[in-house]
Amino acid sequence: MPRRRHAALLLVALSALTACSAGPSTRPVIAVNGGGGQTQDAAPTGPREIPPLENYKSNLTWTPCTEQTKLRMGSSAPAGEQKYECVRLTVKLDAPSRPGRGSLGMSLLRVGTGGSALVVVGDPDGEPGTLKAARLAASLPPAVLSTFTLIGVDRRGTGRSDGVQCVPEPARVGIVESDPDSKSQDRLLEHVGRASQECVLDLENRLTAVDSWRAAADLEQLREALGTSHLNAIGVGDGSKVLTLYASRYPDRIGRMVFDGAPDPTMDVAGVAESRAVAAEATFAAFGKDCVIRSCPLGADATKRFTALLTALRDKPLPGDDLDLTPGTAVTAVLTALADRSRWPALADAIVAAESGNAAPLTDFVRPQVVDRDDNPPLLDSGMITGCNDTATRIPPERVAGLTGDWRTKHPLFGAWHARRLLLCGPFPVPQTAKPPKLTSAPPVLVITTATDPVTPQGGSERAAQALPAGIVLGWQGGGHGALGQSACASQAAQEFLVDAKSPTSGTVCPP
């Protein structure tokens, strides 16, 4: 065996052995509405006003990419004659073993006619930021697009920003197909171990550089390239975490920022996972009520029919092209679809189709996670690597087994699935996580929460707002991951905040 490969395998083994166990979860009371080693700028003190808008002066060479972008979005590309331009910005890799050295390409897309720049950052396991910006351009109020040019960012390791693609496809498929209710975790552990082994070997120094800390530094290089003194941005889900880190590291560069869902900064890894299981159960209940209102083909008891489908698939999985429809695939598909409110009608149809033996509609929700599709790398790899690099916590399999049994009882639809996901980081190298500087002063940040959000639950987003020096909470009483483009009320509030520097009263609630 070559020396480099042997050393890499040893690193994987040592990381698994030295991984620390998470202690009991701390779950604070949900807030009530209404109420590392790198040089950084000195934190300002005292109250801060919302910064004025300024024109950006990009020295980047943008080229038309309308057709390519629509191809990447596939059949769900927004209608209309919107034009897109793209460019790649070289940023520092800055791996822990080679600080300040190396480089990678960050893919950017711009859309809109406004003179000010508004950056869009998304989830590492969701649609790349460039495509998210393209969709927001089709759904945000026109005043946003006439005031700003949206700059979508494929955060490092995702999309076309040298997207990571290191997990072998059989391991990817195995992770997705794994039955969360299986009595044994062994097969899932085998697939996760293979994923870790191959990613260590393939990515080498790049593996440990794919995290939110360095993604925040990428945004500072982007701000410099745009020639602006402040960074205006929308963070979608985990993208809000990147912007929070950016604000902590570069406090005098904070512009007008909107967080559309934000991760809970107060809970440990297990606490976050269980909160997502709770939120997913609530979101599925909201989906069921929506089915009744729409007279959808699932009828009045979506939970009963989905549970029966899982039982049938446990006895006889449905074969598919890229992956089979197993209980694990079905649960993953439903969670994926629940996050996108616009796809709830298609989800209902897909469950009914699976009852009749047609697996394709449900597996279509999951396929982007496991295969390169429409020139987009598989989403599972970047989501898993970023998530594992963002925490030093590694939870032993025996503790996961106990949580699985407990959560299966408490949260019968999605508890076991979320518990088993805690195994994914086990064999990955434990990162040297940087401690963010404390943010003591900042302009107001608008934090939009969604009542039933299975990815960034409402309570966690409220706590994220509380942790900011001037967080303003706007709650949408709807369902899905994120309110922008789904709620006219939330989108209007975002427009007034971004365009007019008009802040809503914290605790304002938008109707469903």
Protein backbone atom coordinates (compact mmCIF):
# COMPACT_ATOMS: atom_id res chain seq x y z
CA MET A 1 0.00 0.00 0.00
CA PRO A 2 1.43 3.45 -0.91
CA ARG A 3 2.67 5.41 2.10
CA ARG A 4 0.28 8.34 1.55
CA ARG A 5 -2.76 6.05 1.36
CA HIS A 6 -1.63 4.15 4.46
CA ALA A 7 -1.24 7.41 6.39
CA ALA A 8 -4.67 8.59 5.31
CA LEU A 9 -6.30 5.34 6.44
CA LEU A 10 -4.51 5.63 9.77
CA LEU A 11 -5.87 9.17 10.14
CA VAL A 12 -9.43 7.89 9.67
CA ALA A 13 -8.93 5.19 12.27
CA LEU A 14 -7.36 7.53 14.81
CA SER A 15 -10.11 10.10 14.29
CA ALA A 16 -12.79 7.54 15.02
CA LEU A 17 -10.99 6.35 18.16
CA THR A 18 -10.42 9.83 19.56
CA ALA A 19 -13.88 11.20 18.74
CA CYS A 20 -15.56 12.76 21.75
CA SER A 21 -19.01 11.79 22.92
CA ALA A 22 -21.76 14.36 23.16
CA GLY A 23 -23.24 14.92 26.58
CA PRO A 24 -26.92 15.30 27.38
CA SER A 25 -28.74 17.85 25.24
CA THR A 26 -29.51 21.26 26.67
CA ARG A 27 -32.83 22.48 25.35
CA PRO A 28 -33.60 26.07 26.36
CA VAL A 29 -37.15 27.34 26.57
CA ILE A 30 -38.30 28.62 23.18
CA ALA A 31 -38.22 32.40 22.97
CA VAL A 32 -41.53 34.25 22.96
CA ASN A 33 -42.19 36.41 19.91
CA GLY A 34 -42.53 40.12 20.61
CA GLY A 35 -40.12 40.85 22.77
CA GLY A 36 -9.40 30.94 15.50
CA GLY A 37 -6.06 32.20 14.84
CA GLN A 38 -6.76 34.60 11.99
CA THR A 39 -6.44 38.39 11.99
CA GLN A 40 -9.75 40.23 12.29
CA ASP A 41 -10.96 43.81 12.43
CA ALA A 42 -11.47 45.42 15.84
CA ALA A 43 -15.07 45.05 16.98
CA PRO A 44 -16.99 48.34 17.12
CA THR A 45 -18.93 49.23 20.23
CA GLY A 46 -22.19 51.05 20.86
CA PRO A 47 -25.40 51.19 18.81
CA ARG A 48 -25.21 50.72 15.07
CA GLU A 49 -27.48 52.05 12.37
CA ILE A 50 -28.39 50.20 9.18
CA PRO A 51 -25.64 51.17 6.70
CA PRO A 52 -26.56 53.19 3.62
CA LEU A 53 -26.63 51.49 0.23
CA GLU A 54 -23.75 51.95 -2.16
CA ASN A 55 -23.12 50.93 -5.75
CA TYR A 56 -20.85 47.98 -6.29
CA LYS A 57 -17.92 48.30 -8.67
CA SER A 58 -17.10 44.75 -9.69
CA ASN A 59 -13.81 44.21 -11.46
CA LEU A 60 -14.88 40.66 -12.29
CA THR A 61 -15.41 39.57 -15.90
CA TRP A 62 -19.00 38.33 -16.01
CA THR A 63 -20.20 36.24 -18.95
CA PRO A 64 -23.75 35.27 -19.98
CA CYS A 65 -24.90 31.93 -18.55
CA THR A 66 -28.67 32.03 -18.97
CA GLU A 67 -29.04 28.79 -20.88
CA GLN A 68 -26.61 26.88 -18.67
CA THR A 69 -28.38 28.10 -15.55
CA LYS A 70 -31.81 27.07 -16.83
CA LEU A 71 -30.37 23.67 -17.74
CA ARG A 72 -29.04 23.25 -14.19
CA MET A 73 -32.47 24.12 -12.75
CA GLY A 74 -34.15 21.62 -15.03
CA SER A 75 -37.91 21.56 -15.46
CA SER A 76 -38.39 23.79 -12.41
CA ALA A 77 -36.54 26.76 -13.95
CA PRO A 78 -38.51 30.01 -13.41
CA ALA A 79 -40.52 31.21 -16.35
CA GLY A 80 -39.73 34.56 -17.93
CA GLU A 81 -36.91 36.24 -19.77
CA GLN A 82 -34.58 36.79 -16.84
CA LYS A 83 -30.91 37.01 -17.82
CA TYR A 84 -28.09 35.50 -15.78
CA GLU A 85 -24.34 36.12 -15.81
CA CYS A 86 -21.67 33.98 -14.17
CA VAL A 87 -18.03 34.18 -13.11
CA ARG A 88 -15.53 32.29 -10.95
CA LEU A 89 -13.65 34.04 -8.16
CA THR A 90 -10.41 32.52 -6.87
CA VAL A 91 -10.34 32.37 -3.06
CA LYS A 92 -7.87 30.98 -0.55
CA LEU A 93 -8.24 27.31 0.34
CA ASP A 94 -6.68 27.94 3.78
CA ALA A 95 -6.72 24.30 4.95
CA PRO A 96 -5.83 23.83 8.65
CA SER A 97 -2.62 22.03 7.68
CA ARG A 98 -1.66 24.79 5.20
CA PRO A 99 -2.99 28.08 6.60
CA GLY A 100 -3.30 30.85 4.05
CA ARG A 101 -2.13 28.62 1.20
CA GLY A 102 -3.82 26.97 -1.77
CA SER A 103 -6.83 28.17 -3.73
CA LEU A 104 -10.20 27.10 -5.04
CA GLY A 105 -12.71 28.54 -7.48
CA MET A 106 -15.93 30.03 -6.14
CA SER A 107 -18.81 30.10 -8.61
CA LEU A 108 -20.97 33.23 -8.71
CA LEU A 109 -24.14 34.20 -10.58
CA ARG A 110 -25.67 37.64 -10.86
CA VAL A 111 -29.20 38.64 -11.77
CA GLY A 112 -31.02 41.96 -11.52
CA THR A 113 -30.45 45.55 -12.54
CA GLY A 114 -29.85 47.30 -9.23
CA GLY A 115 -26.70 49.22 -8.43
CA SER A 116 -26.13 47.62 -5.01
CA ALA A 117 -24.99 44.03 -4.51
CA LEU A 118 -27.04 41.55 -2.45
CA VAL A 119 -25.28 38.22 -1.86
CA VAL A 120 -27.28 34.97 -1.49
CA VAL A 121 -25.83 32.09 0.58
CA GLY A 122 -27.66 28.78 1.02
CA ASP A 123 -27.50 25.38 2.72
CA PRO A 124 -24.53 23.08 1.96
CA ASP A 125 -26.86 20.14 1.29
CA GLY A 126 -29.48 22.11 -0.64
CA GLU A 127 -29.73 23.80 -3.98
CA PRO A 128 -26.50 25.73 -4.75
CA GLY A 129 -26.60 29.44 -3.94
CA THR A 130 -26.30 30.45 -7.59
CA LEU A 131 -29.54 28.64 -8.41
CA LYS A 132 -31.22 29.84 -5.22
CA ALA A 133 -30.47 33.43 -6.27
CA ALA A 134 -31.98 32.74 -9.70
CA ARG A 135 -35.19 31.47 -8.08
CA LEU A 136 -35.37 34.36 -5.61
CA ALA A 137 -35.04 36.78 -8.53
CA ALA A 138 -38.27 35.34 -9.90
CA SER A 139 -40.17 35.56 -6.60
CA LEU A 140 -38.97 38.63 -4.66
CA PRO A 141 -40.77 41.98 -5.11
CA PRO A 142 -39.59 43.90 -8.21
CA ALA A 143 -38.21 46.74 -6.06
CA VAL A 144 -35.55 44.38 -4.72
CA LEU A 145 -34.31 43.58 -8.24
CA SER A 146 -34.32 47.23 -9.30
CA THR A 147 -32.37 48.27 -6.20
CA PHE A 148 -30.01 45.30 -5.98
CA THR A 149 -28.20 42.89 -8.21
CA LEU A 150 -28.47 39.45 -6.59
CA ILE A 151 -25.10 37.69 -6.36
CA GLY A 152 -25.65 33.97 -5.83
CA VAL A 153 -22.74 32.09 -4.25
CA ASP A 154 -22.04 28.37 -4.54
CA ARG A 155 -20.38 28.17 -1.12
CA ARG A 156 -17.14 26.19 -1.05
CA GLY A 157 -17.56 22.50 -1.73
CA THR A 158 -20.98 22.93 -3.36
CA GLY A 159 -22.26 23.32 -6.90
CA ARG A 160 -19.61 24.63 -9.25
CA SER A 161 -17.36 25.97 -6.48
CA ASP A 162 -15.12 22.93 -6.86
CA GLY A 163 -18.02 20.88 -5.49
CA VAL A 164 -16.89 17.87 -3.49
CA GLN A 165 -17.77 14.51 -4.99
CA CYS A 166 -15.79 11.93 -3.05
CA VAL A 167 -18.35 9.51 -1.58
CA PRO A 168 -18.57 6.36 -3.75
CA GLU A 169 -22.02 6.07 -5.31
CA PRO A 170 -22.75 2.67 -3.67
CA ALA A 171 -22.04 4.24 -0.26
CA ARG A 172 -24.22 7.23 -1.10
CA VAL A 173 -27.07 4.97 -2.15
CA GLY A 174 -26.55 2.76 0.90
CA ILE A 175 -26.79 5.71 3.28
CA VAL A 176 -30.03 6.92 1.69
CA GLU A 177 -31.62 3.48 1.41
CA SER A 178 -30.75 2.49 5.00
CA ASP A 179 -33.91 1.67 6.96
CA PRO A 180 -33.99 3.90 10.08
CA ASP A 181 -36.11 1.27 11.83
CA SER A 182 -33.65 -1.56 11.20
CA LYS A 183 -32.56 -3.32 14.39
CA SER A 184 -28.92 -3.16 13.31
CA GLN A 185 -26.79 -0.12 12.47
CA ASP A 186 -24.00 -2.20 10.98
CA ARG A 187 -24.77 -1.71 7.29
CA LEU A 188 -25.16 2.05 7.69
CA LEU A 189 -21.88 2.20 9.62
CA GLU A 190 -20.20 0.26 6.83
CA HIS A 191 -21.38 2.75 4.19
CA VAL A 192 -20.39 5.76 6.31
CA GLY A 193 -16.96 4.26 6.96
CA ARG A 194 -16.37 3.78 3.26
CA ALA A 195 -17.49 7.35 2.58
CA SER A 196 -15.03 8.73 5.11
CA GLN A 197 -12.18 6.57 3.86
CA GLU A 198 -12.56 7.62 0.24
CA CYS A 199 -13.08 11.31 1.04
CA VAL A 200 -9.88 11.42 3.12
CA LEU A 201 -7.96 9.80 0.28
CA ASP A 202 -9.46 11.82 -2.56
CA LEU A 203 -9.65 15.29 -1.02
CA GLU A 204 -6.55 15.27 1.22
CA ASN A 205 -5.95 18.87 2.45
CA ARG A 206 -9.13 20.09 0.83
CA LEU A 207 -11.31 17.84 3.02
CA THR A 208 -10.83 19.83 6.23
CA ALA A 209 -11.15 23.20 4.45
CA VAL A 210 -14.83 22.72 3.52
CA ASP A 211 -16.57 24.40 6.43
CA SER A 212 -18.61 27.45 7.40
CA TRP A 213 -15.66 29.30 8.99
CA ARG A 214 -13.78 29.45 5.69
CA ALA A 215 -16.97 30.06 3.73
CA ALA A 216 -17.32 33.26 5.76
CA ALA A 217 -13.79 34.30 4.76
CA ASP A 218 -14.73 33.65 1.12
CA LEU A 219 -17.49 36.24 1.48
CA GLU A 220 -14.96 38.83 2.63
CA GLN A 221 -12.91 38.18 -0.51
CA LEU A 222 -16.12 38.53 -2.51
CA ARG A 223 -16.92 41.86 -0.82
CA GLU A 224 -13.49 43.15 -1.77
CA ALA A 225 -13.98 41.98 -5.36
CA LEU A 226 -17.32 43.81 -5.48
CA GLY A 227 -15.66 47.02 -4.30
CA THR A 228 -18.11 47.72 -1.48
CA SER A 229 -17.46 48.71 2.13
CA HIS A 230 -20.31 46.57 3.50
CA LEU A 231 -21.72 43.13 2.64
CA ASN A 232 -25.47 43.02 2.05
CA ALA A 233 -26.74 39.46 2.08
CA ILE A 234 -29.57 36.94 2.38
CA GLY A 235 -28.76 33.76 4.28
CA VAL A 236 -31.05 30.80 3.62
CA GLY A 237 -31.01 28.22 6.41
CA ASP A 238 -27.43 27.23 7.17
CA GLY A 239 -26.31 30.14 5.00
CA SER A 240 -27.40 32.32 7.95
CA LYS A 241 -24.76 30.58 10.05
CA VAL A 242 -22.10 31.58 7.51
CA LEU A 243 -23.29 35.19 7.66
CA THR A 244 -23.27 35.11 11.47
CA LEU A 245 -19.64 33.97 11.38
CA TYR A 246 -18.91 36.68 8.83
CA ALA A 247 -20.42 39.31 11.15
CA SER A 248 -18.32 38.05 14.06
CA ARG A 249 -15.09 38.10 12.06
CA TYR A 250 -15.67 41.33 10.14
CA PRO A 251 -18.03 43.38 12.33
CA ASP A 252 -17.44 46.72 10.61
CA ARG A 253 -18.31 45.19 7.21
CA ILE A 254 -21.88 44.16 8.13
CA GLY A 255 -24.44 45.53 5.70
CA ARG A 256 -28.14 44.83 5.39
CA MET A 257 -28.71 41.18 6.19
CA VAL A 258 -31.78 38.95 6.16
CA PHE A 259 -31.73 35.43 7.61
CA ASP A 260 -34.47 33.23 6.11
CA GLY A 261 -34.41 30.54 8.79
CA ALA A 262 -31.32 30.20 10.98
CA PRO A 263 -29.74 27.24 12.82
CA ASP A 264 -30.02 27.11 16.60
CA PRO A 265 -26.72 28.34 18.12
CA THR A 266 -27.53 27.12 21.65
CA MET A 267 -28.14 23.37 21.28
CA ASP A 268 -25.66 20.53 20.98
CA VAL A 269 -25.62 18.22 17.96
CA ALA A 270 -28.12 15.74 19.43
CA GLY A 271 -30.40 18.54 20.56
CA VAL A 272 -30.49 20.05 17.07
CA ALA A 273 -31.23 16.64 15.54
CA GLU A 274 -34.14 15.99 17.88
CA SER A 275 -35.54 19.49 17.36
CA ARG A 276 -35.56 18.79 13.64
CA ALA A 277 -37.40 15.52 14.22
CA VAL A 278 -40.04 17.38 16.25
CA ALA A 279 -40.34 20.06 13.56
CA ALA A 280 -40.57 17.47 10.79
CA GLU A 281 -43.50 15.77 12.56
CA ALA A 282 -45.24 19.15 12.82
CA THR A 283 -44.51 19.94 9.18
CA PHE A 284 -45.94 16.60 8.05
CA ALA A 285 -49.07 17.33 10.08
CA ALA A 286 -49.33 20.70 8.30
CA PHE A 287 -48.86 18.88 4.99
CA GLY A 288 -51.70 16.53 5.92
CA LYS A 289 -54.02 19.44 6.72
CA ASP A 290 -53.08 21.07 3.43
CA CYS A 291 -54.01 17.80 1.71
CA VAL A 292 -57.47 17.91 3.23
CA ILE A 293 -57.99 21.54 2.21
CA ARG A 294 -56.92 20.78 -1.36
CA SER A 295 -58.83 17.48 -1.49
CA CYS A 296 -55.57 15.82 -2.48
CA PRO A 297 -55.48 12.11 -3.39
CA LEU A 298 -54.04 11.13 0.01
CA GLY A 299 -57.33 11.92 1.69
CA ALA A 300 -57.83 12.80 5.33
CA ASP A 301 -55.13 10.65 6.97
CA ALA A 302 -51.76 11.23 5.32
CA THR A 303 -49.90 9.91 8.38
CA LYS A 304 -51.73 6.58 8.37
CA ARG A 305 -51.14 6.04 4.65
CA PHE A 306 -47.48 7.01 4.77
CA THR A 307 -46.90 4.69 7.74
CA ALA A 308 -48.60 1.86 5.84
CA LEU A 309 -46.39 2.57 2.83
CA LEU A 310 -43.25 2.30 4.98
CA THR A 311 -44.45 -1.06 6.31
CA ALA A 312 -45.08 -2.33 2.78
CA LEU A 313 -41.66 -1.14 1.58
CA ARG A 314 -40.00 -2.87 4.52
CA ASP A 315 -41.46 -6.14 3.27
CA LYS A 316 -40.89 -5.44 -0.42
CA PRO A 317 -38.80 -2.47 -1.61
CA LEU A 318 -39.59 -1.09 -5.06
CA PRO A 319 -36.66 -1.28 -7.52
CA GLY A 320 -35.51 1.90 -9.27
CA ASP A 321 -32.87 3.10 -11.71
CA ASP A 322 -30.39 4.93 -9.45
CA LEU A 323 -31.71 3.73 -6.11
CA ASP A 324 -34.50 1.54 -4.75
CA LEU A 325 -37.50 2.86 -2.89
CA THR A 326 -36.94 1.52 0.62
CA PRO A 327 -38.26 2.89 3.92
CA GLY A 328 -35.07 4.96 4.20
CA THR A 329 -35.43 6.34 0.69
CA ALA A 330 -39.10 7.15 1.30
CA VAL A 331 -38.43 8.99 4.57
CA THR A 332 -35.56 10.95 2.97
CA ALA A 333 -37.79 11.83 0.01
CA VAL A 334 -40.62 13.05 2.24
CA LEU A 335 -38.27 15.18 4.37
CA THR A 336 -36.78 16.69 1.22
CA ALA A 337 -40.20 17.54 -0.19
CA LEU A 338 -41.55 18.90 3.11
CA ALA A 339 -38.77 21.51 3.04
CA ASP A 340 -40.12 22.95 -0.23
CA ARG A 341 -43.68 24.18 0.28
CA SER A 342 -44.26 24.50 -3.46
CA ARG A 343 -43.70 20.75 -3.89
CA TRP A 344 -46.28 19.54 -1.38
CA PRO A 345 -48.88 18.72 -4.06
CA ALA A 346 -46.27 16.67 -5.95
CA LEU A 347 -45.35 14.89 -2.70
CA ALA A 348 -48.94 13.79 -2.14
CA ASP A 349 -49.13 12.43 -5.69
CA ALA A 350 -45.78 10.66 -5.24
CA ILE A 351 -46.90 8.84 -2.08
CA VAL A 352 -50.07 7.66 -3.86
CA ALA A 353 -47.97 6.52 -6.85
CA ALA A 354 -45.69 4.52 -4.55
CA GLU A 355 -48.73 2.79 -3.03
CA SER A 356 -49.50 1.57 -6.56
CA GLY A 357 -45.96 0.32 -7.14
CA ASN A 358 -44.53 3.34 -8.99
CA ALA A 359 -41.33 4.34 -7.19
CA ALA A 360 -40.10 7.04 -9.58
CA PRO A 361 -42.01 10.11 -8.28
CA LEU A 362 -40.72 9.61 -4.72
CA THR A 363 -37.16 8.68 -5.66
CA ASP A 364 -37.00 11.77 -7.89
CA PHE A 365 -37.01 13.88 -4.73
CA VAL A 366 -33.89 12.07 -3.50
CA ARG A 367 -31.94 11.60 -6.73
CA PRO A 368 -30.05 14.95 -6.50
CA GLN A 369 -28.48 13.69 -3.28
CA VAL A 370 -26.91 10.63 -4.83
CA VAL A 371 -26.15 11.31 -8.51
CA ASP A 372 -24.63 14.10 -10.59
CA ARG A 373 -27.71 15.66 -12.16
CA ASP A 374 -28.06 18.57 -14.57
CA ASP A 375 -24.39 19.42 -14.02
CA ASN A 376 -24.88 19.62 -10.24
CA PRO A 377 -22.71 17.39 -7.99
CA PRO A 378 -24.50 15.07 -5.52
CA LEU A 379 -25.76 17.04 -2.53
CA LEU A 380 -25.05 14.38 0.08
CA ASP A 381 -21.26 14.78 -0.11
CA SER A 382 -21.07 18.53 0.50
CA GLY A 383 -23.74 18.45 3.19
CA MET A 384 -22.06 15.64 5.11
CA ILE A 385 -18.52 17.04 4.87
CA THR A 386 -19.51 20.61 5.79
CA GLY A 387 -21.63 19.40 8.70
CA CYS A 388 -18.88 17.14 10.04
CA ASN A 389 -16.24 19.87 9.69
CA ASP A 390 -18.44 22.36 11.54
CA THR A 391 -18.47 20.33 14.77
CA ALA A 392 -15.92 18.40 16.81
CA THR A 393 -18.66 16.24 18.31
CA ARG A 394 -18.65 12.55 17.41
CA ILE A 395 -21.42 10.44 18.95
CA PRO A 396 -20.61 6.75 19.56
CA PRO A 397 -22.81 4.13 17.88
CA GLU A 398 -24.05 2.75 21.20
CA ARG A 399 -25.38 6.17 22.20
CA VAL A 400 -26.99 6.59 18.78
CA ALA A 401 -28.70 3.22 19.23
CA GLY A 402 -30.21 4.42 22.51
CA LEU A 403 -31.36 7.71 20.99
CA THR A 404 -32.86 5.85 18.03
CA GLY A 405 -35.06 3.76 20.29
CA ASP A 406 -36.07 6.76 22.38
CA TRP A 407 -36.86 9.06 19.46
CA ARG A 408 -38.68 6.33 17.55
CA THR A 409 -41.17 6.27 20.41
CA LYS A 410 -41.40 10.05 20.85
CA HIS A 411 -41.38 11.01 17.17
CA PRO A 412 -42.61 7.93 15.28
CA LEU A 413 -42.37 9.22 11.71
CA PHE A 414 -38.94 10.87 11.68
CA GLY A 415 -37.27 10.37 15.07
CA ALA A 416 -35.30 7.23 14.17
CA TRP A 417 -34.11 8.75 10.87
CA HIS A 418 -32.74 11.85 12.59
CA ALA A 419 -31.09 9.76 15.31
CA ARG A 420 -29.34 7.52 12.78
CA ARG A 421 -27.98 10.58 10.95
CA LEU A 422 -25.85 11.20 14.02
CA LEU A 423 -23.67 8.30 12.83
CA LEU A 424 -22.55 10.10 9.67
CA CYS A 425 -19.70 12.07 11.22
CA GLY A 426 -18.33 9.23 13.37
CA PRO A 427 -15.39 8.12 11.20
CA PHE A 428 -14.54 11.55 9.76
CA PRO A 429 -11.46 13.39 11.10
CA VAL A 430 -12.27 15.58 14.11
CA PRO A 431 -11.73 19.19 12.99
CA GLN A 432 -9.82 21.95 14.73
CA THR A 433 -12.81 24.26 15.07
CA ALA A 434 -12.11 27.98 15.43
CA LYS A 435 -13.81 29.94 18.20
CA PRO A 436 -15.66 32.91 16.66
CA PRO A 437 -15.06 36.30 18.25
CA LYS A 438 -18.00 37.57 20.28
CA LEU A 439 -20.19 39.94 18.29
CA THR A 440 -20.94 42.84 20.66
CA SER A 441 -22.42 45.40 18.29
CA ALA A 442 -24.10 45.24 14.90
CA PRO A 443 -26.79 46.83 12.78
CA PRO A 444 -30.24 45.23 12.93
CA VAL A 445 -30.54 41.83 11.23
CA LEU A 446 -33.96 40.63 10.05
CA VAL A 447 -34.50 36.98 11.04
CA ILE A 448 -37.50 35.35 9.37
CA THR A 449 -38.85 32.21 11.02
CA THR A 450 -41.34 29.66 9.70
CA ALA A 451 -43.85 28.01 12.04
CA THR A 452 -43.24 24.48 10.74
CA ASP A 453 -39.74 24.39 9.25
CA PRO A 454 -38.21 20.88 9.27
CA VAL A 455 -34.65 22.15 8.62
CA THR A 456 -34.29 25.25 10.79
CA PRO A 457 -37.10 24.95 13.36
CA GLN A 458 -38.81 28.13 14.48
CA GLY A 459 -37.61 28.03 18.08
CA GLY A 460 -33.99 27.67 17.02
CA SER A 461 -34.26 30.59 14.59
CA GLU A 462 -35.73 32.72 17.37
CA ARG A 463 -32.76 31.86 19.59
CA ALA A 464 -30.40 32.71 16.73
CA ALA A 465 -32.03 36.16 16.59
CA GLN A 466 -31.70 36.54 20.36
CA ALA A 467 -27.98 35.81 20.11
CA LEU A 468 -27.48 38.76 17.75
CA PRO A 469 -26.91 42.27 19.16
CA ALA A 470 -29.94 43.55 17.23
CA GLY A 471 -31.91 40.60 15.88
CA ILE A 472 -35.44 41.36 14.66
CA VAL A 473 -37.85 38.40 14.46
CA LEU A 474 -40.53 38.18 11.80
CA GLY A 475 -42.58 34.98 11.99
CA TRP A 476 -44.41 33.37 9.09
CA GLN A 477 -47.17 31.00 10.18
CA GLY A 478 -46.62 28.75 7.19
CA GLY A 479 -44.72 25.54 6.54
CA GLY A 480 -41.55 24.48 4.71
CA HIS A 481 -37.94 25.61 4.83
CA GLY A 482 -37.85 29.36 4.38
CA ALA A 483 -40.49 32.04 3.81
CA LEU A 484 -39.00 34.24 1.07
CA GLY A 485 -40.81 33.61 -2.17
CA GLN A 486 -43.53 31.67 -0.31
CA SER A 487 -45.02 34.39 1.89
CA ALA A 488 -45.91 37.71 0.27
CA CYS A 489 -45.93 39.29 3.73
CA ALA A 490 -42.42 38.08 4.59
CA SER A 491 -41.10 39.03 1.16
CA GLN A 492 -42.58 42.53 1.51
CA ALA A 493 -40.99 42.94 4.95
CA ALA A 494 -37.63 41.85 3.51
CA GLN A 495 -38.00 44.37 0.69
CA GLU A 496 -38.73 47.23 3.10
CA PHE A 497 -35.77 46.26 5.27
CA LEU A 498 -33.30 45.82 2.41
CA VAL A 499 -34.43 48.66 0.16
CA ASP A 500 -35.77 51.26 2.60
CA ALA A 501 -33.92 50.31 5.84
CA LYS A 502 -37.33 49.99 7.47
CA SER A 503 -37.37 47.43 10.29
CA PRO A 504 -40.60 45.70 11.32
CA THR A 505 -41.50 45.43 14.99
CA SER A 506 -39.79 42.35 16.37
CA GLY A 507 -42.40 39.65 16.87
CA THR A 508 -44.52 40.67 13.88
CA VAL A 509 -46.41 37.64 12.53
CA CYS A 510 -47.28 36.97 8.87
CA PRO A 511 -50.37 34.86 8.14
CA PRO A 512 -50.04 31.38 6.59
